[in-house]
Amino acid sequence: MDHARWLELRAAFEAAVEVPVHRRAAYAASLELAPDVREELIGMLEADARNQDGRRGADAGSRLHRLLRAIAEATGPALASD
């Protein structure tokens, strides 16, 4: 990943973590990002959700993980063809 894409990813992640956890999947799906940046963002948000899940002892992180994965699978080919 080049520096410009890394900066794009960093900005997207910083904005996404300000969104409540239960809304992050919708937020991430709404962003117009390059496919590789989008995949990295989803991975970072999944890791953040797992961290929060561990701290709270709830299963919200695993639900978010499944939802983010479903979004990635559903929108991945469409974004790759753009």
PDB file of N, CA and C in Angstrom:
ATOM      1  N   MET A   1       0.859  -1.171   0.000  1.00  0.00           N
ATOM      2  CA  MET A   1       0.000   0.000   0.000  1.00  0.00           C
ATOM      3  C   MET A   1       0.905   1.234   0.000  1.00  0.00           C
ATOM      4  N   ASP A   2       0.617   2.137  -0.918  1.00  0.00           N
ATOM      5  CA  ASP A   2       1.438   3.339  -0.997  1.00  0.00           C
ATOM      6  C   ASP A   2       1.032   4.345   0.088  1.00  0.00           C
ATOM      7  N   HIS A   3       1.831   5.392   0.197  1.00  0.00           N
ATOM      8  CA  HIS A   3       1.626   6.372   1.266  1.00  0.00           C
ATOM      9  C   HIS A   3       0.266   7.070   1.160  1.00  0.00           C
ATOM     10  N   ALA A   4      -0.152   7.414  -0.037  1.00  0.00           N
ATOM     11  CA  ALA A   4      -1.442   8.098  -0.214  1.00  0.00           C
ATOM     12  C   ALA A   4      -2.599   7.212   0.248  1.00  0.00           C
ATOM     13  N   ARG A   5      -2.535   5.929  -0.091  1.00  0.00           N
ATOM     14  CA  ARG A   5      -3.601   5.008   0.345  1.00  0.00           C
ATOM     15  C   ARG A   5      -3.552   4.801   1.854  1.00  0.00           C
ATOM     16  N   TRP A   6      -2.341   4.767   2.412  1.00  0.00           N
ATOM     17  CA  TRP A   6      -2.222   4.627   3.856  1.00  0.00           C
ATOM     18  C   TRP A   6      -2.854   5.827   4.557  1.00  0.00           C
ATOM     19  N   LEU A   7      -2.609   7.033   4.041  1.00  0.00           N
ATOM     20  CA  LEU A   7      -3.216   8.230   4.626  1.00  0.00           C
ATOM     21  C   LEU A   7      -4.738   8.181   4.516  1.00  0.00           C
ATOM     22  N   GLU A   8      -5.237   7.690   3.380  1.00  0.00           N
ATOM     23  CA  GLU A   8      -6.679   7.535   3.185  1.00  0.00           C
ATOM     24  C   GLU A   8      -7.245   6.552   4.217  1.00  0.00           C
ATOM     25  N   LEU A   9      -6.541   5.449   4.416  1.00  0.00           N
ATOM     26  CA  LEU A   9      -6.965   4.446   5.394  1.00  0.00           C
ATOM     27  C   LEU A   9      -6.963   5.026   6.803  1.00  0.00           C
ATOM     28  N   ARG A  10      -5.908   5.710   7.145  1.00  0.00           N
ATOM     29  CA  ARG A  10      -5.797   6.302   8.481  1.00  0.00           C
ATOM     30  C   ARG A  10      -6.942   7.280   8.745  1.00  0.00           C
ATOM     31  N   ALA A  11      -7.225   8.151   7.774  1.00  0.00           N
ATOM     32  CA  ALA A  11      -8.314   9.119   7.936  1.00  0.00           C
ATOM     33  C   ALA A  11      -9.662   8.411   8.067  1.00  0.00           C
ATOM     34  N   ALA A  12      -9.871   7.377   7.264  1.00  0.00           N
ATOM     35  CA  ALA A  12     -11.134   6.632   7.322  1.00  0.00           C
ATOM     36  C   ALA A  12     -11.285   5.940   8.671  1.00  0.00           C
ATOM     37  N   PHE A  13     -10.205   5.341   9.176  1.00  0.00           N
ATOM     38  CA  PHE A  13     -10.268   4.658  10.463  1.00  0.00           C
ATOM     39  C   PHE A  13     -10.528   5.648  11.591  1.00  0.00           C
ATOM     40  N   GLU A  14      -9.811   6.770  11.577  1.00  0.00           N
ATOM     41  CA  GLU A  14     -10.002   7.764  12.631  1.00  0.00           C
ATOM     42  C   GLU A  14     -11.438   8.277  12.653  1.00  0.00           C
ATOM     43  N   ALA A  15     -12.034   8.445  11.480  1.00  0.00           N
ATOM     44  CA  ALA A  15     -13.433   8.880  11.417  1.00  0.00           C
ATOM     45  C   ALA A  15     -14.365   7.758  11.881  1.00  0.00           C
ATOM     46  N   ALA A  16     -14.065   6.529  11.480  1.00  0.00           N
ATOM     47  CA  ALA A  16     -14.938   5.394  11.805  1.00  0.00           C
ATOM     48  C   ALA A  16     -14.978   5.100  13.296  1.00  0.00           C
ATOM     49  N   VAL A  17     -13.867   5.262  13.995  1.00  0.00           N
ATOM     50  CA  VAL A  17     -13.875   4.950  15.426  1.00  0.00           C
ATOM     51  C   VAL A  17     -14.659   5.983  16.228  1.00  0.00           C
ATOM     52  N   GLU A  18     -14.971   7.116  15.621  1.00  0.00           N
ATOM     53  CA  GLU A  18     -15.822   8.107  16.279  1.00  0.00           C
ATOM     54  C   GLU A  18     -17.298   7.726  16.189  1.00  0.00           C
ATOM     55  N   VAL A  19     -17.613   6.816  15.275  1.00  0.00           N
ATOM     56  CA  VAL A  19     -18.986   6.352  15.074  1.00  0.00           C
ATOM     57  C   VAL A  19     -19.266   5.265  16.118  1.00  0.00           C
ATOM     58  N   PRO A  20     -20.458   5.247  16.713  1.00  0.00           N
ATOM     59  CA  PRO A  20     -20.769   4.171  17.663  1.00  0.00           C
ATOM     60  C   PRO A  20     -20.543   2.792  17.024  1.00  0.00           C
ATOM     61  N   VAL A  21     -20.067   1.858  17.811  1.00  0.00           N
ATOM     62  CA  VAL A  21     -19.695   0.536  17.300  1.00  0.00           C
ATOM     63  C   VAL A  21     -20.812  -0.095  16.479  1.00  0.00           C
ATOM     64  N   HIS A  22     -22.042   0.016  16.945  1.00  0.00           N
ATOM     65  CA  HIS A  22     -23.149  -0.634  16.242  1.00  0.00           C
ATOM     66  C   HIS A  22     -23.478   0.033  14.906  1.00  0.00           C
ATOM     67  N   ARG A  23     -22.881   1.178  14.614  1.00  0.00           N
ATOM     68  CA  ARG A  23     -23.128   1.857  13.335  1.00  0.00           C
ATOM     69  C   ARG A  23     -21.919   1.833  12.404  1.00  0.00           C
ATOM     70  N   ARG A  24     -20.821   1.276  12.856  1.00  0.00           N
ATOM     71  CA  ARG A  24     -19.592   1.305  12.060  1.00  0.00           C
ATOM     72  C   ARG A  24     -19.696   0.531  10.753  1.00  0.00           C
ATOM     73  N   ALA A  25     -20.396  -0.580  10.763  1.00  0.00           N
ATOM     74  CA  ALA A  25     -20.515  -1.374   9.532  1.00  0.00           C
ATOM     75  C   ALA A  25     -21.197  -0.558   8.442  1.00  0.00           C
ATOM     76  N   ALA A  26     -22.274   0.108   8.792  1.00  0.00           N
ATOM     77  CA  ALA A  26     -22.982   0.942   7.814  1.00  0.00           C
ATOM     78  C   ALA A  26     -22.102   2.100   7.368  1.00  0.00           C
ATOM     79  N   TYR A  27     -21.376   2.673   8.301  1.00  0.00           N
ATOM     80  CA  TYR A  27     -20.483   3.778   7.964  1.00  0.00           C
ATOM     81  C   TYR A  27     -19.396   3.306   6.997  1.00  0.00           C
ATOM     82  N   ALA A  28     -18.756   2.199   7.320  1.00  0.00           N
ATOM     83  CA  ALA A  28     -17.688   1.678   6.462  1.00  0.00           C
ATOM     84  C   ALA A  28     -18.207   1.353   5.071  1.00  0.00           C
ATOM     85  N   ALA A  29     -19.408   0.808   4.991  1.00  0.00           N
ATOM     86  CA  ALA A  29     -19.994   0.465   3.696  1.00  0.00           C
ATOM     87  C   ALA A  29     -20.319   1.709   2.881  1.00  0.00           C
ATOM     88  N   SER A  30     -20.575   2.823   3.551  1.00  0.00           N
ATOM     89  CA  SER A  30     -20.955   4.044   2.840  1.00  0.00           C
ATOM     90  C   SER A  30     -19.762   4.793   2.257  1.00  0.00           C
ATOM     91  N   LEU A  31     -18.566   4.455   2.686  1.00  0.00           N
ATOM     92  CA  LEU A  31     -17.377   5.158   2.209  1.00  0.00           C
ATOM     93  C   LEU A  31     -16.983   4.707   0.812  1.00  0.00           C
ATOM     94  N   GLU A  32     -16.581   5.658   0.001  1.00  0.00           N
ATOM     95  CA  GLU A  32     -16.070   5.327  -1.329  1.00  0.00           C
ATOM     96  C   GLU A  32     -14.552   5.253  -1.231  1.00  0.00           C
ATOM     97  N   LEU A  33     -14.066   4.034  -1.067  1.00  0.00           N
ATOM     98  CA  LEU A  33     -12.638   3.785  -0.906  1.00  0.00           C
ATOM     99  C   LEU A  33     -12.184   2.791  -1.960  1.00  0.00           C
ATOM    100  N   ALA A  34     -10.900   2.816  -2.241  1.00  0.00           N
ATOM    101  CA  ALA A  34     -10.326   1.792  -3.111  1.00  0.00           C
ATOM    102  C   ALA A  34     -10.522   0.441  -2.425  1.00  0.00           C
ATOM    103  N   PRO A  35     -10.713  -0.628  -3.203  1.00  0.00           N
ATOM    104  CA  PRO A  35     -10.974  -1.943  -2.596  1.00  0.00           C
ATOM    105  C   PRO A  35      -9.933  -2.366  -1.559  1.00  0.00           C
ATOM    106  N   ASP A  36      -8.643  -2.128  -1.819  1.00  0.00           N
ATOM    107  CA  ASP A  36      -7.627  -2.543  -0.850  1.00  0.00           C
ATOM    108  C   ASP A  36      -7.706  -1.709   0.428  1.00  0.00           C
ATOM    109  N   VAL A  37      -8.022  -0.437   0.300  1.00  0.00           N
ATOM    110  CA  VAL A  37      -8.163   0.427   1.471  1.00  0.00           C
ATOM    111  C   VAL A  37      -9.395   0.008   2.268  1.00  0.00           C
ATOM    112  N   ARG A  38     -10.475  -0.298   1.572  1.00  0.00           N
ATOM    113  CA  ARG A  38     -11.705  -0.724   2.229  1.00  0.00           C
ATOM    114  C   ARG A  38     -11.487  -2.016   3.015  1.00  0.00           C
ATOM    115  N   GLU A  39     -10.792  -2.970   2.413  1.00  0.00           N
ATOM    116  CA  GLU A  39     -10.510  -4.238   3.103  1.00  0.00           C
ATOM    117  C   GLU A  39      -9.661  -4.009   4.349  1.00  0.00           C
ATOM    118  N   GLU A  40      -8.651  -3.157   4.237  1.00  0.00           N
ATOM    119  CA  GLU A  40      -7.817  -2.845   5.403  1.00  0.00           C
ATOM    120  C   GLU A  40      -8.639  -2.168   6.491  1.00  0.00           C
ATOM    121  N   LEU A  41      -9.510  -1.237   6.094  1.00  0.00           N
ATOM    122  CA  LEU A  41     -10.359  -0.546   7.063  1.00  0.00           C
ATOM    123  C   LEU A  41     -11.254  -1.545   7.789  1.00  0.00           C
ATOM    124  N   ILE A  42     -11.864  -2.439   7.053  1.00  0.00           N
ATOM    125  CA  ILE A  42     -12.727  -3.445   7.674  1.00  0.00           C
ATOM    126  C   ILE A  42     -11.924  -4.295   8.655  1.00  0.00           C
ATOM    127  N   GLY A  43     -10.731  -4.690   8.267  1.00  0.00           N
ATOM    128  CA  GLY A  43      -9.879  -5.463   9.171  1.00  0.00           C
ATOM    129  C   GLY A  43      -9.532  -4.701  10.443  1.00  0.00           C
ATOM    130  N   MET A  44      -9.228  -3.421  10.286  1.00  0.00           N
ATOM    131  CA  MET A  44      -8.898  -2.600  11.451  1.00  0.00           C
ATOM    132  C   MET A  44     -10.115  -2.415  12.358  1.00  0.00           C
ATOM    133  N   LEU A  45     -11.277  -2.217  11.758  1.00  0.00           N
ATOM    134  CA  LEU A  45     -12.493  -2.060  12.558  1.00  0.00           C
ATOM    135  C   LEU A  45     -12.862  -3.360  13.262  1.00  0.00           C
ATOM    136  N   GLU A  46     -12.626  -4.489  12.595  1.00  0.00           N
ATOM    137  CA  GLU A  46     -12.871  -5.786  13.233  1.00  0.00           C
ATOM    138  C   GLU A  46     -11.964  -5.959  14.443  1.00  0.00           C
ATOM    139  N   ALA A  47     -10.693  -5.607  14.290  1.00  0.00           N
ATOM    140  CA  ALA A  47      -9.751  -5.725  15.403  1.00  0.00           C
ATOM    141  C   ALA A  47     -10.159  -4.806  16.551  1.00  0.00           C
ATOM    142  N   ASP A  48     -10.572  -3.594  16.221  1.00  0.00           N
ATOM    143  CA  ASP A  48     -11.023  -2.662  17.250  1.00  0.00           C
ATOM    144  C   ASP A  48     -12.267  -3.200  17.956  1.00  0.00           C
ATOM    145  N   ALA A  49     -13.179  -3.789  17.190  1.00  0.00           N
ATOM    146  CA  ALA A  49     -14.391  -4.363  17.786  1.00  0.00           C
ATOM    147  C   ALA A  49     -14.037  -5.518  18.719  1.00  0.00           C
ATOM    148  N   ARG A  50     -13.071  -6.353  18.316  1.00  0.00           N
ATOM    149  CA  ARG A  50     -12.645  -7.461  19.190  1.00  0.00           C
ATOM    150  C   ARG A  50     -12.042  -6.914  20.482  1.00  0.00           C
ATOM    151  N   ASN A  51     -11.258  -5.834  20.378  1.00  0.00           N
ATOM    152  CA  ASN A  51     -10.693  -5.215  21.578  1.00  0.00           C
ATOM    153  C   ASN A  51     -11.796  -4.719  22.494  1.00  0.00           C
ATOM    154  N   GLN A  52     -12.770  -4.026  21.923  1.00  0.00           N
ATOM    155  CA  GLN A  52     -13.880  -3.522  22.727  1.00  0.00           C
ATOM    156  C   GLN A  52     -14.692  -4.675  23.294  1.00  0.00           C
ATOM    157  N   ASP A  53     -14.863  -5.721  22.497  1.00  0.00           N
ATOM    158  CA  ASP A  53     -15.606  -6.896  22.948  1.00  0.00           C
ATOM    159  C   ASP A  53     -14.927  -7.496  24.176  1.00  0.00           C
ATOM    160  N   GLY A  54     -13.622  -7.597  24.127  1.00  0.00           N
ATOM    161  CA  GLY A  54     -12.881  -8.154  25.254  1.00  0.00           C
ATOM    162  C   GLY A  54     -12.977  -7.289  26.492  1.00  0.00           C
ATOM    163  N   ARG A  55     -12.949  -5.987  26.293  1.00  0.00           N
ATOM    164  CA  ARG A  55     -13.027  -5.078  27.441  1.00  0.00           C
ATOM    165  C   ARG A  55     -14.413  -5.090  28.078  1.00  0.00           C
ATOM    166  N   ARG A  56     -15.432  -5.246  27.282  1.00  0.00           N
ATOM    167  CA  ARG A  56     -16.796  -5.191  27.814  1.00  0.00           C
ATOM    168  C   ARG A  56     -17.337  -6.558  28.171  1.00  0.00           C
ATOM    169  N   GLY A  57     -16.749  -7.596  27.610  1.00  0.00           N
ATOM    170  CA  GLY A  57     -17.256  -8.932  27.877  1.00  0.00           C
ATOM    171  C   GLY A  57     -18.571  -9.200  27.161  1.00  0.00           C
ATOM    172  N   ALA A  58     -18.897  -8.401  26.166  1.00  0.00           N
ATOM    173  CA  ALA A  58     -20.136  -8.590  25.404  1.00  0.00           C
ATOM    174  C   ALA A  58     -19.810  -9.252  24.080  1.00  0.00           C
ATOM    175  N   ASP A  59     -20.839  -9.625  23.347  1.00  0.00           N
ATOM    176  CA  ASP A  59     -20.554 -10.247  22.068  1.00  0.00           C
ATOM    177  C   ASP A  59     -20.855  -9.308  20.908  1.00  0.00           C
ATOM    178  N   ALA A  60     -20.907  -8.023  21.175  1.00  0.00           N
ATOM    179  CA  ALA A  60     -21.142  -7.035  20.117  1.00  0.00           C
ATOM    180  C   ALA A  60     -20.019  -7.053  19.083  1.00  0.00           C
ATOM    181  N   GLY A  61     -18.801  -7.260  19.529  1.00  0.00           N
ATOM    182  CA  GLY A  61     -17.674  -7.289  18.601  1.00  0.00           C
ATOM    183  C   GLY A  61     -17.784  -8.420  17.602  1.00  0.00           C
ATOM    184  N   SER A  62     -18.211  -9.602  18.061  1.00  0.00           N
ATOM    185  CA  SER A  62     -18.338 -10.722  17.130  1.00  0.00           C
ATOM    186  C   SER A  62     -19.496 -10.503  16.167  1.00  0.00           C
ATOM    187  N   ARG A  63     -20.564  -9.865  16.637  1.00  0.00           N
ATOM    188  CA  ARG A  63     -21.671  -9.540  15.728  1.00  0.00           C
ATOM    189  C   ARG A  63     -21.214  -8.534  14.690  1.00  0.00           C
ATOM    190  N   LEU A  64     -20.451  -7.520  15.118  1.00  0.00           N
ATOM    191  CA  LEU A  64     -19.930  -6.530  14.181  1.00  0.00           C
ATOM    192  C   LEU A  64     -18.976  -7.191  13.193  1.00  0.00           C
ATOM    193  N   HIS A  65     -18.147  -8.090  13.688  1.00  0.00           N
ATOM    194  CA  HIS A  65     -17.217  -8.812  12.824  1.00  0.00           C
ATOM    195  C   HIS A  65     -17.977  -9.547  11.717  1.00  0.00           C
ATOM    196  N   ARG A  66     -19.022 -10.260  12.074  1.00  0.00           N
ATOM    197  CA  ARG A  66     -19.807 -10.989  11.071  1.00  0.00           C
ATOM    198  C   ARG A  66     -20.478 -10.035  10.095  1.00  0.00           C
ATOM    199  N   LEU A  67     -20.981  -8.919  10.594  1.00  0.00           N
ATOM    200  CA  LEU A  67     -21.640  -7.947   9.731  1.00  0.00           C
ATOM    201  C   LEU A  67     -20.648  -7.297   8.771  1.00  0.00           C
ATOM    202  N   LEU A  68     -19.481  -6.917   9.259  1.00  0.00           N
ATOM    203  CA  LEU A  68     -18.462  -6.322   8.388  1.00  0.00           C
ATOM    204  C   LEU A  68     -18.005  -7.316   7.325  1.00  0.00           C
ATOM    205  N   ARG A  69     -17.839  -8.577   7.706  1.00  0.00           N
ATOM    206  CA  ARG A  69     -17.458  -9.606   6.738  1.00  0.00           C
ATOM    207  C   ARG A  69     -18.532  -9.747   5.667  1.00  0.00           C
ATOM    208  N   ALA A  70     -19.806  -9.756   6.075  1.00  0.00           N
ATOM    209  CA  ALA A  70     -20.904  -9.880   5.111  1.00  0.00           C
ATOM    210  C   ALA A  70     -20.917  -8.701   4.149  1.00  0.00           C
ATOM    211  N   ILE A  71     -20.659  -7.507   4.666  1.00  0.00           N
ATOM    212  CA  ILE A  71     -20.599  -6.325   3.793  1.00  0.00           C
ATOM    213  C   ILE A  71     -19.441  -6.459   2.819  1.00  0.00           C
ATOM    214  N   ALA A  72     -18.302  -6.897   3.304  1.00  0.00           N
ATOM    215  CA  ALA A  72     -17.136  -7.053   2.429  1.00  0.00           C
ATOM    216  C   ALA A  72     -17.412  -8.066   1.327  1.00  0.00           C
ATOM    217  N   GLU A  73     -18.051  -9.166   1.679  1.00  0.00           N
ATOM    218  CA  GLU A  73     -18.356 -10.189   0.679  1.00  0.00           C
ATOM    219  C   GLU A  73     -19.410  -9.714  -0.308  1.00  0.00           C
ATOM    220  N   ALA A  74     -20.383  -8.956   0.179  1.00  0.00           N
ATOM    221  CA  ALA A  74     -21.469  -8.501  -0.692  1.00  0.00           C
ATOM    222  C   ALA A  74     -21.043  -7.373  -1.618  1.00  0.00           C
ATOM    223  N   THR A  75     -20.167  -6.504  -1.159  1.00  0.00           N
ATOM    224  CA  THR A  75     -19.802  -5.337  -1.964  1.00  0.00           C
ATOM    225  C   THR A  75     -18.441  -5.454  -2.616  1.00  0.00           C
ATOM    226  N   GLY A  76     -17.642  -6.415  -2.210  1.00  0.00           N
ATOM    227  CA  GLY A  76     -16.290  -6.556  -2.755  1.00  0.00           C
ATOM    228  C   GLY A  76     -16.234  -6.627  -4.267  1.00  0.00           C
ATOM    229  N   PRO A  77     -16.927  -7.559  -4.912  1.00  0.00           N
ATOM    230  CA  PRO A  77     -16.860  -7.652  -6.370  1.00  0.00           C
ATOM    231  C   PRO A  77     -17.380  -6.394  -7.066  1.00  0.00           C
ATOM    232  N   ALA A  78     -18.398  -5.778  -6.510  1.00  0.00           N
ATOM    233  CA  ALA A  78     -18.947  -4.565  -7.126  1.00  0.00           C
ATOM    234  C   ALA A  78     -17.927  -3.437  -7.084  1.00  0.00           C
ATOM    235  N   LEU A  79     -17.228  -3.306  -5.977  1.00  0.00           N
ATOM    236  CA  LEU A  79     -16.230  -2.250  -5.878  1.00  0.00           C
ATOM    237  C   LEU A  79     -15.022  -2.547  -6.749  1.00  0.00           C
ATOM    238  N   ALA A  80     -14.663  -3.798  -6.867  1.00  0.00           N
ATOM    239  CA  ALA A  80     -13.507  -4.159  -7.681  1.00  0.00           C
ATOM    240  C   ALA A  80     -13.741  -3.851  -9.151  1.00  0.00           C
ATOM    241  N   SER A  81     -14.995  -3.876  -9.589  1.00  0.00           N
ATOM    242  CA  SER A  81     -15.272  -3.628 -11.001  1.00  0.00           C
ATOM    243  C   SER A  81     -15.406  -2.146 -11.316  1.00  0.00           C
ATOM    244  N   ASP A  82     -15.462  -1.291 -10.288  1.00  0.00           N
ATOM    245  CA  ASP A  82     -15.604   0.156 -10.520  1.00  0.00           C
ATOM    246  C   ASP A  82     -14.343   0.751 -11.093  1.00  0.00           C
TER     247      ASP A  82
END
